[in-house]
Protein backbone atom coordinates (compact mmCIF):
# COMPACT_ATOMS: atom_id res chain seq x y z
CA MET A 1 -20.00 -126.92 6.05
CA LYS A 2 -19.25 -127.44 2.37
CA VAL A 3 -22.00 -126.25 0.03
CA ALA A 4 -22.54 -127.78 -3.41
CA LEU A 5 -22.34 -125.45 -6.37
CA LEU A 6 -25.49 -124.38 -8.18
CA ILE A 7 -25.92 -126.29 -11.43
CA LEU A 8 -27.33 -124.57 -14.49
CA LEU A 9 -28.91 -126.58 -17.31
CA SER A 10 -30.08 -125.36 -20.68
CA ASP A 11 -33.66 -126.09 -21.68
CA GLU A 12 -32.41 -128.72 -24.12
CA GLU A 13 -30.32 -130.45 -21.44
CA ARG A 14 -33.23 -130.38 -19.00
CA GLN A 15 -35.56 -131.85 -21.62
CA THR A 16 -33.09 -134.65 -22.47
CA LEU A 17 -32.52 -135.51 -18.80
CA THR A 18 -36.26 -135.53 -18.12
CA SER A 19 -36.77 -137.91 -21.03
CA TRP A 20 -34.00 -140.20 -19.77
CA SER A 21 -35.34 -140.15 -16.22
CA ARG A 22 -38.72 -141.40 -17.45
CA GLY A 23 -37.49 -143.84 -20.08
CA ARG A 24 -38.59 -147.44 -19.76
CA CYS A 25 -35.93 -148.66 -22.19
CA THR A 26 -33.21 -146.43 -20.76
CA PRO A 27 -30.51 -148.25 -18.75
CA ALA A 28 -31.13 -147.98 -14.99
CA ARG A 29 -27.74 -146.34 -14.43
CA LEU A 30 -28.65 -143.53 -16.83
CA VAL A 31 -32.12 -143.10 -15.30
CA LEU A 32 -30.59 -142.72 -11.85
CA ARG A 33 -27.93 -140.25 -13.01
CA ALA A 34 -30.57 -138.17 -14.84
CA LYS A 35 -32.73 -138.01 -11.72
CA ILE A 36 -29.74 -137.00 -9.60
CA ILE A 37 -28.72 -134.23 -12.00
CA LEU A 38 -32.26 -132.86 -12.31
CA ALA A 39 -32.67 -132.75 -8.53
CA ALA A 40 -29.25 -131.13 -8.10
CA ALA A 41 -30.16 -128.48 -10.67
CA ALA A 42 -33.35 -127.82 -8.70
CA GLY A 43 -31.22 -127.07 -5.63
CA VAL A 44 -32.02 -130.21 -3.63
CA LEU A 45 -29.41 -131.22 -1.04
CA ASN A 46 -27.24 -134.27 -1.80
CA LYS A 47 -28.51 -136.22 1.21
CA ASP A 48 -32.11 -135.57 0.17
CA ILE A 49 -31.36 -136.60 -3.43
CA ALA A 50 -29.81 -139.87 -2.19
CA GLU A 51 -32.82 -140.56 0.00
CA GLU A 52 -35.33 -139.79 -2.75
CA ALA A 53 -33.42 -141.80 -5.38
CA GLU A 54 -32.91 -144.66 -2.91
CA THR A 55 -29.17 -144.71 -3.47
CA ILE A 56 -26.03 -144.02 -1.49
CA LEU A 57 -24.75 -140.52 -0.93
CA GLU A 58 -21.44 -141.29 -2.66
CA LYS A 59 -23.21 -141.89 -6.00
CA VAL A 60 -24.88 -138.50 -5.73
CA ARG A 61 -21.58 -136.83 -4.89
CA ARG A 62 -19.84 -138.45 -7.87
CA ALA A 63 -22.61 -137.50 -10.29
CA ARG A 64 -22.54 -133.90 -9.06
CA ALA A 65 -18.76 -133.71 -9.11
CA THR A 66 -18.70 -134.76 -12.75
CA LEU A 67 -21.33 -132.19 -13.67
CA ASP A 68 -19.96 -129.38 -11.46
CA LYS A 69 -16.89 -129.11 -13.68
CA THR A 70 -18.94 -128.06 -16.72
CA HIS A 71 -22.26 -126.66 -15.50
CA SER A 72 -21.70 -124.82 -12.23
CA VAL A 73 -21.95 -121.13 -11.51
């Protein structure tokens, strides 16, 4: 079984993502991506993130793959 890498976020990044995930004027695409990244950084499994965010697993995988290149351990 393939295991996703642990994602590390700085306090500033976490604060920005939290703000985006709660923004009423933030584009929906950005809100979803922020929620995915925050959950991934908290160690939540991709399938659980997809279920919670009410999206498809492939979107979660793509968001993580983009972030894994710069923020993984």
